[in-house]
Amino acid sequence: MALVTIALYARSGQTWWLFAALWLAPDLSMLGYRLGPCRGARIYNTAHTYLLPLLLAFSAYALGAAGLIPYALIWINHIAIDRLLGYGLKYANGFGWTHLGRLGRQRTEEA
């Protein structure tokens, strides 16, 4: 998915400065954790699922608003790279608990 979105973005004719400037924008959803771990996880997960950027892309295509498609590609690329790096959707336990496993170092209990 990451390679496909890069290839499509390259063909879009948009500047790479836009790509770089907006690539971390979905991570602003981490600010939701200021409202608590449960709400934070919901907000983060909403911004890190493929549903919204795909809806944006399909809506832009259907409405003839091709200028919005690069934004959807950047968003999808961000999500794909996050998954490659092991950052998954969050559980309400806290930011480090994801559907791909626990983030960070695993603490082992000594007997």
PDB file of N, CA and C in Angstrom:
ATOM      1  N   MET A   1       0.831  -1.191   0.000  1.00  0.00           N
ATOM      2  CA  MET A   1       0.000   0.000   0.000  1.00  0.00           C
ATOM      3  C   MET A   1       0.878   1.259   0.000  1.00  0.00           C
ATOM      4  N   ALA A   2       1.955   1.213   0.770  1.00  0.00           N
ATOM      5  CA  ALA A   2       2.851   2.375   0.835  1.00  0.00           C
ATOM      6  C   ALA A   2       3.472   2.653  -0.534  1.00  0.00           C
ATOM      7  N   LEU A   3       3.915   1.619  -1.223  1.00  0.00           N
ATOM      8  CA  LEU A   3       4.532   1.804  -2.539  1.00  0.00           C
ATOM      9  C   LEU A   3       3.514   2.273  -3.579  1.00  0.00           C
ATOM     10  N   VAL A   4       2.319   1.747  -3.511  1.00  0.00           N
ATOM     11  CA  VAL A   4       1.266   2.141  -4.454  1.00  0.00           C
ATOM     12  C   VAL A   4       0.925   3.616  -4.277  1.00  0.00           C
ATOM     13  N   THR A   5       0.765   4.049  -3.025  1.00  0.00           N
ATOM     14  CA  THR A   5       0.402   5.447  -2.806  1.00  0.00           C
ATOM     15  C   THR A   5       1.530   6.400  -3.200  1.00  0.00           C
ATOM     16  N   ILE A   6       2.778   5.986  -3.007  1.00  0.00           N
ATOM     17  CA  ILE A   6       3.916   6.817  -3.442  1.00  0.00           C
ATOM     18  C   ILE A   6       3.897   6.950  -4.958  1.00  0.00           C
ATOM     19  N   ALA A   7       3.680   5.832  -5.650  1.00  0.00           N
ATOM     20  CA  ALA A   7       3.642   5.864  -7.116  1.00  0.00           C
ATOM     21  C   ALA A   7       2.496   6.735  -7.624  1.00  0.00           C
ATOM     22  N   LEU A   8       1.330   6.597  -7.028  1.00  0.00           N
ATOM     23  CA  LEU A   8       0.188   7.405  -7.439  1.00  0.00           C
ATOM     24  C   LEU A   8       0.413   8.883  -7.125  1.00  0.00           C
ATOM     25  N   TYR A   9       1.020   9.161  -5.983  1.00  0.00           N
ATOM     26  CA  TYR A   9       1.292  10.550  -5.623  1.00  0.00           C
ATOM     27  C   TYR A   9       2.290  11.160  -6.614  1.00  0.00           C
ATOM     28  N   ALA A  10       3.297  10.403  -6.992  1.00  0.00           N
ATOM     29  CA  ALA A  10       4.290  10.895  -7.950  1.00  0.00           C
ATOM     30  C   ALA A  10       3.619  11.268  -9.276  1.00  0.00           C
ATOM     31  N   ARG A  11       2.590  10.532  -9.650  1.00  0.00           N
ATOM     32  CA  ARG A  11       1.867  10.805 -10.890  1.00  0.00           C
ATOM     33  C   ARG A  11       0.857  11.944 -10.742  1.00  0.00           C
ATOM     34  N   SER A  12       0.564  12.349  -9.519  1.00  0.00           N
ATOM     35  CA  SER A  12      -0.459  13.371  -9.292  1.00  0.00           C
ATOM     36  C   SER A  12      -0.003  14.771  -9.689  1.00  0.00           C
ATOM     37  N   GLY A  13       1.296  14.965  -9.778  1.00  0.00           N
ATOM     38  CA  GLY A  13       1.821  16.280 -10.135  1.00  0.00           C
ATOM     39  C   GLY A  13       1.942  17.236  -8.963  1.00  0.00           C
ATOM     40  N   GLN A  14       1.603  16.782  -7.781  1.00  0.00           N
ATOM     41  CA  GLN A  14       1.727  17.628  -6.587  1.00  0.00           C
ATOM     42  C   GLN A  14       3.179  17.683  -6.125  1.00  0.00           C
ATOM     43  N   THR A  15       3.506  18.724  -5.403  1.00  0.00           N
ATOM     44  CA  THR A  15       4.863  18.905  -4.906  1.00  0.00           C
ATOM     45  C   THR A  15       5.158  17.949  -3.750  1.00  0.00           C
ATOM     46  N   TRP A  16       6.404  17.550  -3.647  1.00  0.00           N
ATOM     47  CA  TRP A  16       6.808  16.665  -2.551  1.00  0.00           C
ATOM     48  C   TRP A  16       6.863  17.424  -1.237  1.00  0.00           C
ATOM     49  N   TRP A  17       6.906  18.755  -1.308  1.00  0.00           N
ATOM     50  CA  TRP A  17       6.850  19.551  -0.078  1.00  0.00           C
ATOM     51  C   TRP A  17       5.507  19.369   0.613  1.00  0.00           C
ATOM     52  N   LEU A  18       4.451  19.282  -0.169  1.00  0.00           N
ATOM     53  CA  LEU A  18       3.127  19.035   0.402  1.00  0.00           C
ATOM     54  C   LEU A  18       3.099  17.678   1.088  1.00  0.00           C
ATOM     55  N   PHE A  19       3.672  16.693   0.428  1.00  0.00           N
ATOM     56  CA  PHE A  19       3.726  15.344   0.995  1.00  0.00           C
ATOM     57  C   PHE A  19       4.449  15.369   2.345  1.00  0.00           C
ATOM     58  N   ALA A  20       5.620  15.994   2.363  1.00  0.00           N
ATOM     59  CA  ALA A  20       6.414  16.050   3.598  1.00  0.00           C
ATOM     60  C   ALA A  20       5.706  16.849   4.687  1.00  0.00           C
ATOM     61  N   ALA A  21       5.067  17.926   4.301  1.00  0.00           N
ATOM     62  CA  ALA A  21       4.412  18.793   5.285  1.00  0.00           C
ATOM     63  C   ALA A  21       3.205  18.117   5.942  1.00  0.00           C
ATOM     64  N   LEU A  22       2.488  17.298   5.184  1.00  0.00           N
ATOM     65  CA  LEU A  22       1.258  16.704   5.707  1.00  0.00           C
ATOM     66  C   LEU A  22       1.399  15.265   6.178  1.00  0.00           C
ATOM     67  N   TRP A  23       2.547  14.665   5.966  1.00  0.00           N
ATOM     68  CA  TRP A  23       2.679  13.244   6.255  1.00  0.00           C
ATOM     69  C   TRP A  23       2.414  12.922   7.732  1.00  0.00           C
ATOM     70  N   LEU A  24       2.820  13.756   8.635  1.00  0.00           N
ATOM     71  CA  LEU A  24       2.608  13.496  10.064  1.00  0.00           C
ATOM     72  C   LEU A  24       1.275  14.032  10.588  1.00  0.00           C
ATOM     73  N   ALA A  25       0.495  14.675   9.745  1.00  0.00           N
ATOM     74  CA  ALA A  25      -0.777  15.263  10.188  1.00  0.00           C
ATOM     75  C   ALA A  25      -1.697  14.264  10.902  1.00  0.00           C
ATOM     76  N   PRO A  26      -1.831  13.021  10.445  1.00  0.00           N
ATOM     77  CA  PRO A  26      -2.705  12.088  11.175  1.00  0.00           C
ATOM     78  C   PRO A  26      -2.271  11.849  12.629  1.00  0.00           C
ATOM     79  N   ASP A  27      -0.994  12.053  12.911  1.00  0.00           N
ATOM     80  CA  ASP A  27      -0.519  11.842  14.274  1.00  0.00           C
ATOM     81  C   ASP A  27      -0.970  12.935  15.241  1.00  0.00           C
ATOM     82  N   LEU A  28      -1.529  14.006  14.729  1.00  0.00           N
ATOM     83  CA  LEU A  28      -2.126  15.006  15.617  1.00  0.00           C
ATOM     84  C   LEU A  28      -3.278  14.407  16.417  1.00  0.00           C
ATOM     85  N   SER A  29      -3.808  13.297  15.934  1.00  0.00           N
ATOM     86  CA  SER A  29      -4.885  12.617  16.656  1.00  0.00           C
ATOM     87  C   SER A  29      -4.422  12.091  18.010  1.00  0.00           C
ATOM     88  N   MET A  30      -3.112  12.006  18.227  1.00  0.00           N
ATOM     89  CA  MET A  30      -2.597  11.587  19.540  1.00  0.00           C
ATOM     90  C   MET A  30      -2.981  12.583  20.631  1.00  0.00           C
ATOM     91  N   LEU A  31      -3.297  13.787  20.234  1.00  0.00           N
ATOM     92  CA  LEU A  31      -3.723  14.781  21.218  1.00  0.00           C
ATOM     93  C   LEU A  31      -5.006  14.350  21.921  1.00  0.00           C
ATOM     94  N   GLY A  32      -5.739  13.447  21.305  1.00  0.00           N
ATOM     95  CA  GLY A  32      -6.947  12.917  21.929  1.00  0.00           C
ATOM     96  C   GLY A  32      -6.679  12.205  23.235  1.00  0.00           C
ATOM     97  N   TYR A  33      -5.452  11.759  23.434  1.00  0.00           N
ATOM     98  CA  TYR A  33      -5.102  11.086  24.693  1.00  0.00           C
ATOM     99  C   TYR A  33      -5.144  12.049  25.873  1.00  0.00           C
ATOM    100  N   ARG A  34      -5.213  13.338  25.605  1.00  0.00           N
ATOM    101  CA  ARG A  34      -5.368  14.302  26.700  1.00  0.00           C
ATOM    102  C   ARG A  34      -6.756  14.179  27.330  1.00  0.00           C
ATOM    103  N   LEU A  35      -7.683  13.542  26.606  1.00  0.00           N
ATOM    104  CA  LEU A  35      -9.044  13.322  27.104  1.00  0.00           C
ATOM    105  C   LEU A  35      -9.185  11.979  27.804  1.00  0.00           C
ATOM    106  N   GLY A  36      -8.094  11.253  27.904  1.00  0.00           N
ATOM    107  CA  GLY A  36      -8.110   9.943  28.542  1.00  0.00           C
ATOM    108  C   GLY A  36      -7.777   8.847  27.545  1.00  0.00           C
ATOM    109  N   PRO A  37      -7.369   7.680  28.053  1.00  0.00           N
ATOM    110  CA  PRO A  37      -6.929   6.612  27.158  1.00  0.00           C
ATOM    111  C   PRO A  37      -8.034   6.048  26.266  1.00  0.00           C
ATOM    112  N   CYS A  38      -9.247   5.956  26.764  1.00  0.00           N
ATOM    113  CA  CYS A  38     -10.335   5.390  25.957  1.00  0.00           C
ATOM    114  C   CYS A  38     -10.691   6.326  24.797  1.00  0.00           C
ATOM    115  N   ARG A  39     -10.924   7.589  25.100  1.00  0.00           N
ATOM    116  CA  ARG A  39     -11.233   8.553  24.046  1.00  0.00           C
ATOM    117  C   ARG A  39     -10.048   8.755  23.122  1.00  0.00           C
ATOM    118  N   GLY A  40      -8.860   8.780  23.693  1.00  0.00           N
ATOM    119  CA  GLY A  40      -7.654   8.939  22.881  1.00  0.00           C
ATOM    120  C   GLY A  40      -7.516   7.823  21.864  1.00  0.00           C
ATOM    121  N   ALA A  41      -7.767   6.592  22.305  1.00  0.00           N
ATOM    122  CA  ALA A  41      -7.686   5.454  21.389  1.00  0.00           C
ATOM    123  C   ALA A  41      -8.719   5.570  20.282  1.00  0.00           C
ATOM    124  N   ARG A  42      -9.919   5.999  20.623  1.00  0.00           N
ATOM    125  CA  ARG A  42     -10.966   6.144  19.602  1.00  0.00           C
ATOM    126  C   ARG A  42     -10.603   7.207  18.572  1.00  0.00           C
ATOM    127  N   ILE A  43     -10.105   8.333  19.035  1.00  0.00           N
ATOM    128  CA  ILE A  43      -9.735   9.420  18.125  1.00  0.00           C
ATOM    129  C   ILE A  43      -8.561   8.998  17.253  1.00  0.00           C
ATOM    130  N   TYR A  44      -7.540   8.399  17.877  1.00  0.00           N
ATOM    131  CA  TYR A  44      -6.366   7.937  17.133  1.00  0.00           C
ATOM    132  C   TYR A  44      -6.774   6.896  16.095  1.00  0.00           C
ATOM    133  N   ASN A  45      -7.588   5.941  16.492  1.00  0.00           N
ATOM    134  CA  ASN A  45      -8.000   4.878  15.579  1.00  0.00           C
ATOM    135  C   ASN A  45      -8.831   5.410  14.417  1.00  0.00           C
ATOM    136  N   THR A  46      -9.650   6.422  14.679  1.00  0.00           N
ATOM    137  CA  THR A  46     -10.439   7.022  13.607  1.00  0.00           C
ATOM    138  C   THR A  46      -9.528   7.628  12.539  1.00  0.00           C
ATOM    139  N   ALA A  47      -8.457   8.260  12.972  1.00  0.00           N
ATOM    140  CA  ALA A  47      -7.522   8.881  12.033  1.00  0.00           C
ATOM    141  C   ALA A  47      -6.564   7.880  11.402  1.00  0.00           C
ATOM    142  N   HIS A  48      -6.497   6.668  11.942  1.00  0.00           N
ATOM    143  CA  HIS A  48      -5.528   5.680  11.455  1.00  0.00           C
ATOM    144  C   HIS A  48      -6.180   4.421  10.892  1.00  0.00           C
ATOM    145  N   THR A  49      -7.392   4.551  10.409  1.00  0.00           N
ATOM    146  CA  THR A  49      -8.010   3.468   9.654  1.00  0.00           C
ATOM    147  C   THR A  49      -8.128   3.923   8.206  1.00  0.00           C
ATOM    148  N   TYR A  50      -8.169   2.992   7.302  1.00  0.00           N
ATOM    149  CA  TYR A  50      -8.211   3.320   5.880  1.00  0.00           C
ATOM    150  C   TYR A  50      -9.570   3.874   5.432  1.00  0.00           C
ATOM    151  N   LEU A  51     -10.604   3.733   6.224  1.00  0.00           N
ATOM    152  CA  LEU A  51     -11.945   4.111   5.805  1.00  0.00           C
ATOM    153  C   LEU A  51     -12.048   5.589   5.403  1.00  0.00           C
ATOM    154  N   LEU A  52     -11.618   6.499   6.258  1.00  0.00           N
ATOM    155  CA  LEU A  52     -11.778   7.929   5.966  1.00  0.00           C
ATOM    156  C   LEU A  52     -10.963   8.402   4.753  1.00  0.00           C
ATOM    157  N   PRO A  53      -9.683   8.036   4.639  1.00  0.00           N
ATOM    158  CA  PRO A  53      -8.975   8.496   3.440  1.00  0.00           C
ATOM    159  C   PRO A  53      -9.504   7.861   2.155  1.00  0.00           C
ATOM    160  N   LEU A  54      -9.990   6.623   2.240  1.00  0.00           N
ATOM    161  CA  LEU A  54     -10.592   6.021   1.050  1.00  0.00           C
ATOM    162  C   LEU A  54     -11.898   6.713   0.680  1.00  0.00           C
ATOM    163  N   LEU A  55     -12.694   7.081   1.686  1.00  0.00           N
ATOM    164  CA  LEU A  55     -13.907   7.852   1.415  1.00  0.00           C
ATOM    165  C   LEU A  55     -13.572   9.203   0.785  1.00  0.00           C
ATOM    166  N   LEU A  56     -12.519   9.833   1.287  1.00  0.00           N
ATOM    167  CA  LEU A  56     -12.072  11.098   0.716  1.00  0.00           C
ATOM    168  C   LEU A  56     -11.680  10.918  -0.745  1.00  0.00           C
ATOM    169  N   ALA A  57     -10.919   9.883  -1.043  1.00  0.00           N
ATOM    170  CA  ALA A  57     -10.464   9.638  -2.416  1.00  0.00           C
ATOM    171  C   ALA A  57     -11.638   9.339  -3.340  1.00  0.00           C
ATOM    172  N   PHE A  58     -12.526   8.457  -2.923  1.00  0.00           N
ATOM    173  CA  PHE A  58     -13.668   8.100  -3.762  1.00  0.00           C
ATOM    174  C   PHE A  58     -14.620   9.285  -3.944  1.00  0.00           C
ATOM    175  N   SER A  59     -14.829  10.060  -2.895  1.00  0.00           N
ATOM    176  CA  SER A  59     -15.685  11.242  -2.992  1.00  0.00           C
ATOM    177  C   SER A  59     -15.066  12.276  -3.927  1.00  0.00           C
ATOM    178  N   ALA A  60     -13.769  12.490  -3.802  1.00  0.00           N
ATOM    179  CA  ALA A  60     -13.078  13.443  -4.666  1.00  0.00           C
ATOM    180  C   ALA A  60     -13.195  13.017  -6.128  1.00  0.00           C
ATOM    181  N   TYR A  61     -13.019  11.736  -6.373  1.00  0.00           N
ATOM    182  CA  TYR A  61     -13.137  11.224  -7.738  1.00  0.00           C
ATOM    183  C   TYR A  61     -14.560  11.387  -8.260  1.00  0.00           C
ATOM    184  N   ALA A  62     -15.539  11.011  -7.439  1.00  0.00           N
ATOM    185  CA  ALA A  62     -16.947  11.066  -7.852  1.00  0.00           C
ATOM    186  C   ALA A  62     -17.422  12.495  -8.081  1.00  0.00           C
ATOM    187  N   LEU A  63     -16.902  13.435  -7.313  1.00  0.00           N
ATOM    188  CA  LEU A  63     -17.331  14.829  -7.420  1.00  0.00           C
ATOM    189  C   LEU A  63     -16.473  15.642  -8.383  1.00  0.00           C
ATOM    190  N   GLY A  64     -15.469  14.991  -8.966  1.00  0.00           N
ATOM    191  CA  GLY A  64     -14.591  15.702  -9.887  1.00  0.00           C
ATOM    192  C   GLY A  64     -13.645  16.657  -9.193  1.00  0.00           C
ATOM    193  N   ALA A  65     -13.370  16.400  -7.944  1.00  0.00           N
ATOM    194  CA  ALA A  65     -12.460  17.248  -7.160  1.00  0.00           C
ATOM    195  C   ALA A  65     -11.104  16.551  -7.048  1.00  0.00           C
ATOM    196  N   ALA A  66     -10.440  16.382  -8.175  1.00  0.00           N
ATOM    197  CA  ALA A  66      -9.183  15.630  -8.224  1.00  0.00           C
ATOM    198  C   ALA A  66      -8.098  16.246  -7.341  1.00  0.00           C
ATOM    199  N   GLY A  67      -8.212  17.510  -7.014  1.00  0.00           N
ATOM    200  CA  GLY A  67      -7.221  18.159  -6.156  1.00  0.00           C
ATOM    201  C   GLY A  67      -7.175  17.607  -4.744  1.00  0.00           C
ATOM    202  N   LEU A  68      -8.208  16.882  -4.333  1.00  0.00           N
ATOM    203  CA  LEU A  68      -8.226  16.289  -2.992  1.00  0.00           C
ATOM    204  C   LEU A  68      -7.586  14.904  -2.938  1.00  0.00           C
ATOM    205  N   ILE A  69      -7.423  14.281  -4.078  1.00  0.00           N
ATOM    206  CA  ILE A  69      -6.885  12.915  -4.091  1.00  0.00           C
ATOM    207  C   ILE A  69      -5.467  12.838  -3.514  1.00  0.00           C
ATOM    208  N   PRO A  70      -4.561  13.777  -3.807  1.00  0.00           N
ATOM    209  CA  PRO A  70      -3.229  13.705  -3.184  1.00  0.00           C
ATOM    210  C   PRO A  70      -3.268  13.704  -1.656  1.00  0.00           C
ATOM    211  N   TYR A  71      -4.239  14.404  -1.066  1.00  0.00           N
ATOM    212  CA  TYR A  71      -4.363  14.416   0.396  1.00  0.00           C
ATOM    213  C   TYR A  71      -4.732  13.027   0.908  1.00  0.00           C
ATOM    214  N   ALA A  72      -5.620  12.370   0.202  1.00  0.00           N
ATOM    215  CA  ALA A  72      -5.994  11.002   0.568  1.00  0.00           C
ATOM    216  C   ALA A  72      -4.801  10.060   0.415  1.00  0.00           C
ATOM    217  N   LEU A  73      -4.000  10.250  -0.625  1.00  0.00           N
ATOM    218  CA  LEU A  73      -2.827   9.395  -0.842  1.00  0.00           C
ATOM    219  C   LEU A  73      -1.793   9.569   0.269  1.00  0.00           C
ATOM    220  N   ILE A  74      -1.596  10.810   0.694  1.00  0.00           N
ATOM    221  CA  ILE A  74      -0.664  11.070   1.802  1.00  0.00           C
ATOM    222  C   ILE A  74      -1.164  10.378   3.065  1.00  0.00           C
ATOM    223  N   TRP A  75      -2.432  10.495   3.333  1.00  0.00           N
ATOM    224  CA  TRP A  75      -3.043   9.909   4.527  1.00  0.00           C
ATOM    225  C   TRP A  75      -2.922   8.384   4.492  1.00  0.00           C
ATOM    226  N   ILE A  76      -3.243   7.787   3.365  1.00  0.00           N
ATOM    227  CA  ILE A  76      -3.141   6.320   3.238  1.00  0.00           C
ATOM    228  C   ILE A  76      -1.693   5.876   3.386  1.00  0.00           C
ATOM    229  N   ASN A  77      -0.765   6.641   2.805  1.00  0.00           N
ATOM    230  CA  ASN A  77       0.646   6.297   2.929  1.00  0.00           C
ATOM    231  C   ASN A  77       1.091   6.335   4.380  1.00  0.00           C
ATOM    232  N   HIS A  78       0.654   7.338   5.115  1.00  0.00           N
ATOM    233  CA  HIS A  78       1.004   7.434   6.531  1.00  0.00           C
ATOM    234  C   HIS A  78       0.540   6.192   7.292  1.00  0.00           C
ATOM    235  N   ILE A  79      -0.698   5.786   7.060  1.00  0.00           N
ATOM    236  CA  ILE A  79      -1.240   4.618   7.744  1.00  0.00           C
ATOM    237  C   ILE A  79      -0.452   3.363   7.371  1.00  0.00           C
ATOM    238  N   ALA A  80      -0.139   3.208   6.095  1.00  0.00           N
ATOM    239  CA  ALA A  80       0.604   2.028   5.640  1.00  0.00           C
ATOM    240  C   ALA A  80       1.995   1.963   6.271  1.00  0.00           C
ATOM    241  N   ILE A  81       2.686   3.089   6.323  1.00  0.00           N
ATOM    242  CA  ILE A  81       4.025   3.113   6.939  1.00  0.00           C
ATOM    243  C   ILE A  81       3.922   2.835   8.434  1.00  0.00           C
ATOM    244  N   ASP A  82       2.917   3.389   9.089  1.00  0.00           N
ATOM    245  CA  ASP A  82       2.706   3.085  10.510  1.00  0.00           C
ATOM    246  C   ASP A  82       2.580   1.579  10.722  1.00  0.00           C
ATOM    247  N   ARG A  83       1.809   0.922   9.881  1.00  0.00           N
ATOM    248  CA  ARG A  83       1.629  -0.531  10.025  1.00  0.00           C
ATOM    249  C   ARG A  83       2.953  -1.261   9.801  1.00  0.00           C
ATOM    250  N   LEU A  84       3.730  -0.814   8.815  1.00  0.00           N
ATOM    251  CA  LEU A  84       5.033  -1.435   8.564  1.00  0.00           C
ATOM    252  C   LEU A  84       5.968  -1.301   9.763  1.00  0.00           C
ATOM    253  N   LEU A  85       5.847  -0.201  10.472  1.00  0.00           N
ATOM    254  CA  LEU A  85       6.705   0.049  11.630  1.00  0.00           C
ATOM    255  C   LEU A  85       6.159  -0.562  12.921  1.00  0.00           C
ATOM    256  N   GLY A  86       4.999  -1.190  12.839  1.00  0.00           N
ATOM    257  CA  GLY A  86       4.438  -1.864  14.003  1.00  0.00           C
ATOM    258  C   GLY A  86       3.496  -1.032  14.841  1.00  0.00           C
ATOM    259  N   TYR A  87       3.149   0.156  14.354  1.00  0.00           N
ATOM    260  CA  TYR A  87       2.198   0.999  15.083  1.00  0.00           C
ATOM    261  C   TYR A  87       0.795   0.648  14.616  1.00  0.00           C
ATOM    262  N   GLY A  88       0.089  -0.056  15.453  1.00  0.00           N
ATOM    263  CA  GLY A  88      -1.246  -0.501  15.088  1.00  0.00           C
ATOM    264  C   GLY A  88      -2.322   0.350  15.706  1.00  0.00           C
ATOM    265  N   LEU A  89      -3.539  -0.101  15.535  1.00  0.00           N
ATOM    266  CA  LEU A  89      -4.680   0.555  16.159  1.00  0.00           C
ATOM    267  C   LEU A  89      -4.590   0.361  17.664  1.00  0.00           C
ATOM    268  N   LYS A  90      -5.015   1.353  18.405  1.00  0.00           N
ATOM    269  CA  LYS A  90      -4.803   1.367  19.857  1.00  0.00           C
ATOM    270  C   LYS A  90      -5.971   0.749  20.622  1.00  0.00           C
ATOM    271  N   TYR A  91      -5.626   0.137  21.744  1.00  0.00           N
ATOM    272  CA  TYR A  91      -6.624  -0.328  22.703  1.00  0.00           C
ATOM    273  C   TYR A  91      -6.788   0.733  23.781  1.00  0.00           C
ATOM    274  N   ALA A  92      -7.874   0.661  24.513  1.00  0.00           N
ATOM    275  CA  ALA A  92      -8.167   1.657  25.547  1.00  0.00           C
ATOM    276  C   ALA A  92      -7.235   1.544  26.756  1.00  0.00           C
ATOM    277  N   ASN A  93      -6.418   0.500  26.843  1.00  0.00           N
ATOM    278  CA  ASN A  93      -5.482   0.334  27.972  1.00  0.00           C
ATOM    279  C   ASN A  93      -4.449   1.456  28.015  1.00  0.00           C
ATOM    280  N   GLY A  94      -4.111   2.015  26.869  1.00  0.00           N
ATOM    281  CA  GLY A  94      -3.094   3.050  26.784  1.00  0.00           C
ATOM    282  C   GLY A  94      -2.472   3.043  25.405  1.00  0.00           C
ATOM    283  N   PHE A  95      -1.660   4.046  25.131  1.00  0.00           N
ATOM    284  CA  PHE A  95      -1.094   4.230  23.794  1.00  0.00           C
ATOM    285  C   PHE A  95      -0.229   3.048  23.358  1.00  0.00           C
ATOM    286  N   GLY A  96       0.447   2.399  24.283  1.00  0.00           N
ATOM    287  CA  GLY A  96       1.367   1.322  23.941  1.00  0.00           C
ATOM    288  C   GLY A  96       0.705  -0.004  23.598  1.00  0.00           C
ATOM    289  N   TRP A  97      -0.582  -0.121  23.794  1.00  0.00           N
ATOM    290  CA  TRP A  97      -1.302  -1.365  23.517  1.00  0.00           C
ATOM    291  C   TRP A  97      -1.964  -1.274  22.149  1.00  0.00           C
ATOM    292  N   THR A  98      -1.492  -2.098  21.193  1.00  0.00           N
ATOM    293  CA  THR A  98      -2.021  -2.038  19.832  1.00  0.00           C
ATOM    294  C   THR A  98      -2.471  -3.415  19.359  1.00  0.00           C
ATOM    295  N   HIS A  99      -3.194  -3.424  18.260  1.00  0.00           N
ATOM    296  CA  HIS A  99      -3.643  -4.686  17.685  1.00  0.00           C
ATOM    297  C   HIS A  99      -2.495  -5.468  17.060  1.00  0.00           C
ATOM    298  N   LEU A 100      -1.336  -4.829  16.908  1.00  0.00           N
ATOM    299  CA  LEU A 100      -0.154  -5.512  16.384  1.00  0.00           C
ATOM    300  C   LEU A 100       0.789  -5.968  17.495  1.00  0.00           C
ATOM    301  N   GLY A 101       0.428  -5.712  18.724  1.00  0.00           N
ATOM    302  CA  GLY A 101       1.272  -6.084  19.856  1.00  0.00           C
ATOM    303  C   GLY A 101       1.621  -4.866  20.685  1.00  0.00           C
ATOM    304  N   ARG A 102       2.363  -5.088  21.723  1.00  0.00           N
ATOM    305  CA  ARG A 102       2.747  -4.019  22.654  1.00  0.00           C
ATOM    306  C   ARG A 102       3.906  -3.226  22.085  1.00  0.00           C
ATOM    307  N   LEU A 103       3.828  -1.893  22.166  1.00  0.00           N
ATOM    308  CA  LEU A 103       4.920  -1.025  21.712  1.00  0.00           C
ATOM    309  C   LEU A 103       5.991  -0.942  22.788  1.00  0.00           C
ATOM    310  N   GLY A 104       7.204  -0.742  22.371  1.00  0.00           N
ATOM    311  CA  GLY A 104       8.300  -0.555  23.322  1.00  0.00           C
ATOM    312  C   GLY A 104       8.868  -1.875  23.792  1.00  0.00           C
ATOM    313  N   ARG A 105       9.731  -1.766  24.776  1.00  0.00           N
ATOM    314  CA  ARG A 105      10.375  -2.958  25.331  1.00  0.00           C
ATOM    315  C   ARG A 105       9.418  -3.726  26.221  1.00  0.00           C
ATOM    316  N   GLN A 106       9.455  -5.021  26.079  1.00  0.00           N
ATOM    317  CA  GLN A 106       8.646  -5.892  26.915  1.00  0.00           C
ATOM    318  C   GLN A 106       9.367  -6.104  28.243  1.00  0.00           C
ATOM    319  N   ARG A 107       8.683  -5.869  29.324  1.00  0.00           N
ATOM    320  CA  ARG A 107       9.280  -6.108  30.641  1.00  0.00           C
ATOM    321  C   ARG A 107       9.026  -7.534  31.036  1.00  0.00           C
ATOM    322  N   THR A 108      10.074  -8.200  31.423  1.00  0.00           N
ATOM    323  CA  THR A 108       9.926  -9.573  31.880  1.00  0.00           C
ATOM    324  C   THR A 108       9.915  -9.587  33.394  1.00  0.00           C
ATOM    325  N   GLU A 109       9.068 -10.396  33.923  1.00  0.00           N
ATOM    326  CA  GLU A 109       8.985 -10.504  35.380  1.00  0.00           C
ATOM    327  C   GLU A 109       9.991 -11.554  35.847  1.00  0.00           C
ATOM    328  N   GLU A 110      10.768 -11.193  36.815  1.00  0.00           N
ATOM    329  CA  GLU A 110      11.740 -12.130  37.370  1.00  0.00           C
ATOM    330  C   GLU A 110      11.121 -12.811  38.571  1.00  0.00           C
ATOM    331  N   ALA A 111      11.372 -14.084  38.675  1.00  0.00           N
ATOM    332  CA  ALA A 111      10.789 -14.876  39.786  1.00  0.00           C
ATOM    333  C   ALA A 111      11.604 -14.758  41.042  1.00  0.00           C
TER     334      ALA A 111
END
